[in-house]
Amino acid sequence: MMEDPHKPGYDSTQDVVLDARTLRGVAHPLRLRLLGSLRHDGPQTATQLAARFGESSAATSYHLRTLAAHGFVADAPELGRGRERFWRAVHRSTWFDTPDRDAPERELGEAYLRTVARMYAENVERSITELADWPQEWVRAASMSDLTVSLSAAEAQQLADDMMALLVRYRDRAADRAGDGSERVAMSTQFQIFPRRGQLDALLAKRTASTGGSGTAGEEESGSAADESSDSADGGRA
């Protein structure tokens, strides 16, 4: 697990890096959705979140308390009236690095990443469904692409850093222009950088043939991941 990403967009005062303990607190589909909603839509009650996600208030209350116990959400008592209990997100985004191959939390880490990936896919599906109702200028502004390039591992890491730095630049620019009267909406962006299926198998087989060894020495673990919720995200950002 990384302790400090030192990556474009990371701010230790606003972002959280998962470790083995906090991973266990957030690696649950409903908890990730609750956390993402609080980050993007602001403080809400368990009842409001239950209605949003089609869950019972008892279920959302339980998972909110679990998130609170692991430091992801906190009470917002200034917003409550009477017995209302509002919750707010503590961090802007989550950063996560895939655990080492033999780490005890490796399986849980993969489950977390799979849940985040499903949420990303759901967001895209939802946007496609809503596309017909968008103003035409926003339809033209939307984009999806799938581009394959040949890179070394170091170049792939640099590409990820460069893309994140570009997104951060636009995010900061939008923050600086907040309230200037221009028409703006929150835009979700996501990107994935993975070898094409089978490419690493062929590479490892080639290494094994050239060294006469098992092919495991020198293998590289995946890089950091980050989320601005889940949407994102949010080491990808999740």
Protein backbone atom coordinates (compact mmCIF):
# COMPACT_ATOMS: atom_id res chain seq x y z
CA MET A 1 0.00 0.00 0.00
CA MET A 2 1.24 3.47 -0.77
CA GLU A 3 1.56 5.88 2.14
CA ASP A 4 1.81 9.11 0.14
CA PRO A 5 1.08 8.95 -3.60
CA HIS A 6 3.05 12.08 -4.59
CA LYS A 7 0.85 12.12 -7.67
CA PRO A 8 -0.83 14.92 -9.62
CA GLY A 9 -4.10 15.83 -7.94
CA TYR A 10 -3.31 14.32 -4.54
CA ASP A 11 -3.70 16.56 -1.50
CA SER A 12 -3.12 15.00 1.90
CA THR A 13 -5.48 17.54 3.49
CA GLN A 14 -8.42 16.54 1.26
CA ASP A 15 -7.78 13.02 0.01
CA VAL A 16 -7.50 9.67 1.79
CA VAL A 17 -5.12 6.81 0.97
CA LEU A 18 -6.52 3.38 1.77
CA ASP A 19 -4.55 1.02 3.98
CA ALA A 20 -5.39 -2.52 5.08
CA ARG A 21 -7.69 -1.31 7.88
CA THR A 22 -9.62 1.38 6.02
CA LEU A 23 -9.95 -0.87 2.95
CA ARG A 24 -12.07 -3.21 5.04
CA GLY A 25 -14.32 -0.32 6.02
CA VAL A 26 -15.09 0.86 2.48
CA ALA A 27 -14.88 -2.29 0.31
CA HIS A 28 -18.61 -2.83 0.10
CA PRO A 29 -20.85 -1.88 -2.87
CA LEU A 30 -23.44 0.08 -0.88
CA ARG A 31 -20.84 1.87 1.23
CA LEU A 32 -19.03 3.01 -1.90
CA ARG A 33 -22.28 4.32 -3.35
CA LEU A 34 -23.19 6.12 -0.14
CA LEU A 35 -19.75 7.69 0.06
CA GLY A 36 -19.84 8.74 -3.59
CA SER A 37 -23.25 10.36 -3.16
CA LEU A 38 -22.12 12.31 -0.09
CA ARG A 39 -19.04 13.52 -1.94
CA HIS A 40 -20.88 14.63 -5.06
CA ASP A 41 -24.28 15.69 -3.74
CA GLY A 42 -23.38 16.97 -0.29
CA PRO A 43 -24.62 16.05 3.20
CA GLN A 44 -27.70 13.81 3.43
CA THR A 45 -29.60 11.75 5.97
CA ALA A 46 -29.79 7.96 6.04
CA THR A 47 -33.44 8.26 4.98
CA GLN A 48 -32.58 10.40 1.96
CA LEU A 49 -29.84 8.01 0.92
CA ALA A 50 -32.13 5.02 1.41
CA ALA A 51 -34.66 6.55 -0.99
CA ARG A 52 -31.94 7.31 -3.53
CA PHE A 53 -30.58 3.78 -3.59
CA GLY A 54 -33.73 1.77 -2.89
CA GLU A 55 -32.50 0.53 0.48
CA SER A 56 -33.99 0.57 3.96
CA SER A 57 -33.04 3.34 6.35
CA ALA A 58 -31.74 0.68 8.72
CA ALA A 59 -29.32 -0.59 6.07
CA THR A 60 -28.03 2.86 5.11
CA SER A 61 -27.71 3.84 8.79
CA TYR A 62 -25.63 0.73 9.51
CA HIS A 63 -23.29 1.30 6.59
CA LEU A 64 -22.95 5.00 7.35
CA ARG A 65 -21.92 4.16 10.91
CA THR A 66 -19.35 1.71 9.53
CA LEU A 67 -17.98 4.39 7.19
CA ALA A 68 -17.83 6.78 10.15
CA ALA A 69 -15.95 4.25 12.27
CA HIS A 70 -13.28 4.09 9.55
CA GLY A 71 -13.08 7.87 9.16
CA PHE A 72 -14.80 8.31 5.77
CA VAL A 73 -17.94 10.20 6.90
CA ALA A 74 -18.91 12.31 9.90
CA ASP A 75 -21.95 13.93 11.47
CA ALA A 76 -23.09 17.31 10.16
CA PRO A 77 -25.05 18.40 13.28
CA GLU A 78 -25.45 21.98 12.07
CA LEU A 79 -27.82 20.74 9.33
CA GLY A 80 -30.13 18.57 11.42
CA ARG A 81 -33.50 19.59 12.78
CA GLY A 82 -35.07 17.64 15.59
CA ARG A 83 -34.03 14.01 15.25
CA GLU A 84 -32.63 14.43 11.73
CA ARG A 85 -29.04 13.23 11.44
CA PHE A 86 -27.09 14.48 8.45
CA TRP A 87 -23.86 12.86 7.29
CA ARG A 88 -21.08 14.46 5.28
CA ALA A 89 -18.03 13.07 3.48
CA VAL A 90 -14.72 13.74 5.22
CA HIS A 91 -12.54 13.53 2.10
CA ARG A 92 -12.70 14.70 -1.50
CA SER A 93 -11.43 11.45 -3.02
CA THR A 94 -9.93 8.03 -2.30
CA TRP A 95 -6.53 6.81 -3.47
CA PHE A 96 -5.61 3.15 -3.57
CA ASP A 97 -2.65 1.04 -4.68
CA THR A 98 -3.15 -2.65 -5.47
CA PRO A 99 -1.62 -4.72 -2.61
CA ASP A 100 1.45 -6.86 -3.22
CA ARG A 101 0.83 -10.34 -4.60
CA ASP A 102 1.21 -12.08 -1.23
CA ALA A 103 -0.43 -9.40 0.95
CA PRO A 104 -3.33 -10.73 3.07
CA GLU A 105 -5.61 -7.94 1.82
CA ARG A 106 -4.93 -8.69 -1.87
CA GLU A 107 -8.29 -10.44 -2.38
CA LEU A 108 -10.19 -7.65 -0.64
CA GLY A 109 -8.34 -5.08 -2.72
CA GLU A 110 -9.37 -6.81 -5.93
CA ALA A 111 -12.99 -6.94 -4.74
CA TYR A 112 -12.82 -3.20 -4.05
CA LEU A 113 -11.47 -2.46 -7.54
CA ARG A 114 -14.12 -4.67 -9.18
CA THR A 115 -16.86 -2.79 -7.33
CA VAL A 116 -15.42 0.55 -8.41
CA ALA A 117 -15.21 -0.69 -12.02
CA ARG A 118 -18.88 -1.75 -11.95
CA MET A 119 -19.84 1.69 -10.65
CA TYR A 120 -17.89 3.35 -13.47
CA ALA A 121 -19.70 1.16 -16.01
CA GLU A 122 -23.08 1.99 -14.45
CA ASN A 123 -22.32 5.70 -14.70
CA VAL A 124 -21.56 5.39 -18.40
CA GLU A 125 -24.70 3.32 -19.02
CA ARG A 126 -26.80 5.91 -17.19
CA SER A 127 -25.34 8.74 -19.24
CA ILE A 128 -26.06 6.93 -22.50
CA THR A 129 -29.67 6.41 -21.37
CA GLU A 130 -30.03 10.13 -20.61
CA LEU A 131 -28.24 11.27 -23.79
CA ALA A 132 -31.42 11.80 -25.84
CA ASP A 133 -32.66 14.41 -23.36
CA TRP A 134 -29.48 16.48 -23.26
CA PRO A 135 -29.10 19.86 -25.01
CA GLN A 136 -27.25 19.31 -28.28
CA GLU A 137 -24.14 21.22 -27.22
CA TRP A 138 -23.69 18.86 -24.27
CA VAL A 139 -24.23 15.82 -26.49
CA ARG A 140 -21.38 17.06 -28.69
CA ALA A 141 -19.21 17.69 -25.61
CA ALA A 142 -19.56 14.09 -24.38
CA SER A 143 -16.96 11.56 -25.47
CA MET A 144 -15.96 7.90 -25.21
CA SER A 145 -12.90 6.37 -26.84
CA ASP A 146 -10.74 3.26 -26.89
CA LEU A 147 -7.19 3.85 -28.07
CA THR A 148 -4.38 1.29 -28.04
CA VAL A 149 -0.77 2.46 -27.87
CA SER A 150 2.48 0.56 -27.37
CA LEU A 151 4.21 1.66 -24.15
CA SER A 152 6.80 0.56 -21.66
CA ALA A 153 5.74 0.24 -18.02
CA ALA A 154 7.49 3.55 -17.26
CA GLU A 155 5.72 5.27 -20.15
CA ALA A 156 2.35 3.91 -19.01
CA GLN A 157 2.98 5.38 -15.55
CA GLN A 158 3.95 8.71 -17.09
CA LEU A 159 0.82 8.68 -19.25
CA ALA A 160 -1.35 8.14 -16.16
CA ASP A 161 0.37 11.01 -14.35
CA ASP A 162 0.07 13.31 -17.38
CA MET A 163 -3.65 12.59 -17.79
CA MET A 164 -4.31 13.17 -14.10
CA ALA A 165 -2.36 16.44 -14.18
CA LEU A 166 -4.49 17.62 -17.11
CA LEU A 167 -7.74 16.77 -15.29
CA VAL A 168 -6.51 18.53 -12.14
CA ARG A 169 -5.72 21.63 -14.17
CA TYR A 170 -9.29 21.78 -15.48
CA ARG A 171 -10.70 21.07 -12.02
CA ASP A 172 -8.71 23.89 -10.46
CA ARG A 173 -9.62 26.26 -13.29
CA ALA A 174 -13.32 25.51 -12.74
CA ALA A 175 -12.93 26.18 -9.01
CA ASP A 176 -11.28 29.54 -9.72
CA ARG A 177 -14.19 30.55 -12.00
CA ALA A 178 -16.96 29.42 -9.67
CA GLY A 179 -19.79 31.94 -9.53
CA ASP A 180 -18.77 33.85 -12.66
CA GLY A 181 -22.21 33.34 -14.20
CA SER A 182 -21.14 30.98 -16.99
CA GLU A 183 -23.15 27.82 -17.65
CA ARG A 184 -21.42 24.85 -16.07
CA VAL A 185 -22.31 21.31 -15.07
CA ALA A 186 -20.28 18.69 -13.21
CA MET A 187 -18.57 16.43 -15.75
CA SER A 188 -17.39 12.92 -14.88
CA THR A 189 -14.18 11.72 -16.48
CA GLN A 190 -12.53 8.33 -16.21
CA PHE A 191 -9.70 6.50 -17.86
CA GLN A 192 -8.19 3.04 -17.57
CA ILE A 193 -4.67 2.03 -18.51
CA PHE A 194 -4.27 -1.73 -18.85
CA PRO A 195 -2.28 -4.04 -21.13
CA ARG A 196 -4.40 -5.71 -23.80
CA ARG A 197 -5.53 -9.22 -22.91
CA GLY A 198 -2.74 -11.76 -23.32
CA GLN A 199 0.02 -9.19 -23.80
CA LEU A 200 1.65 -9.75 -20.40
CA ASP A 201 1.36 -13.54 -20.73
CA ALA A 202 3.40 -13.35 -23.91
CA LEU A 203 5.89 -10.97 -22.29
CA LEU A 204 6.41 -13.20 -19.23
CA ALA A 205 6.79 -16.26 -21.43
CA LYS A 206 9.48 -14.44 -23.39
CA ARG A 207 11.29 -13.48 -20.17
CA THR A 208 11.15 -17.05 -18.94
CA ALA A 209 12.55 -18.37 -22.20
CA SER A 210 15.42 -15.87 -22.15
CA THR A 211 16.38 -16.36 -18.48
CA GLY A 212 15.50 -20.00 -17.97
CA GLY A 213 13.80 -19.00 -14.72
CA SER A 214 10.26 -18.91 -13.44
CA GLY A 215 9.55 -15.52 -14.98
CA THR A 216 8.37 -13.99 -11.72
CA ALA A 217 11.47 -11.97 -10.87
CA GLY A 218 11.17 -8.35 -11.78
CA GLU A 219 7.43 -8.41 -12.37
CA GLU A 220 5.85 -5.06 -11.67
CA GLU A 221 2.78 -4.42 -9.59
CA SER A 222 0.04 -2.16 -10.82
CA GLY A 223 0.19 1.54 -10.09
CA SER A 224 -1.93 3.77 -7.95
CA ALA A 225 -5.62 4.22 -8.34
CA ALA A 226 -7.77 7.15 -7.25
CA ASP A 227 -11.76 8.03 -6.88
CA GLU A 228 -13.52 11.16 -6.61
CA SER A 229 -16.22 9.05 -5.97
CA SER A 230 -17.19 6.84 -7.53
CA ASP A 231 -17.64 8.27 -9.88
CA SER A 232 -14.50 7.90 -9.15
CA ALA A 233 -12.94 8.35 -8.29
CA ASP A 234 -13.68 7.17 -6.93
CA GLY A 235 -6.09 4.88 -8.08
CA GLY A 236 -7.41 4.92 -9.86
CA ARG A 237 -9.44 7.24 -8.31
CA ALA A 238 -12.42 5.73 -6.81
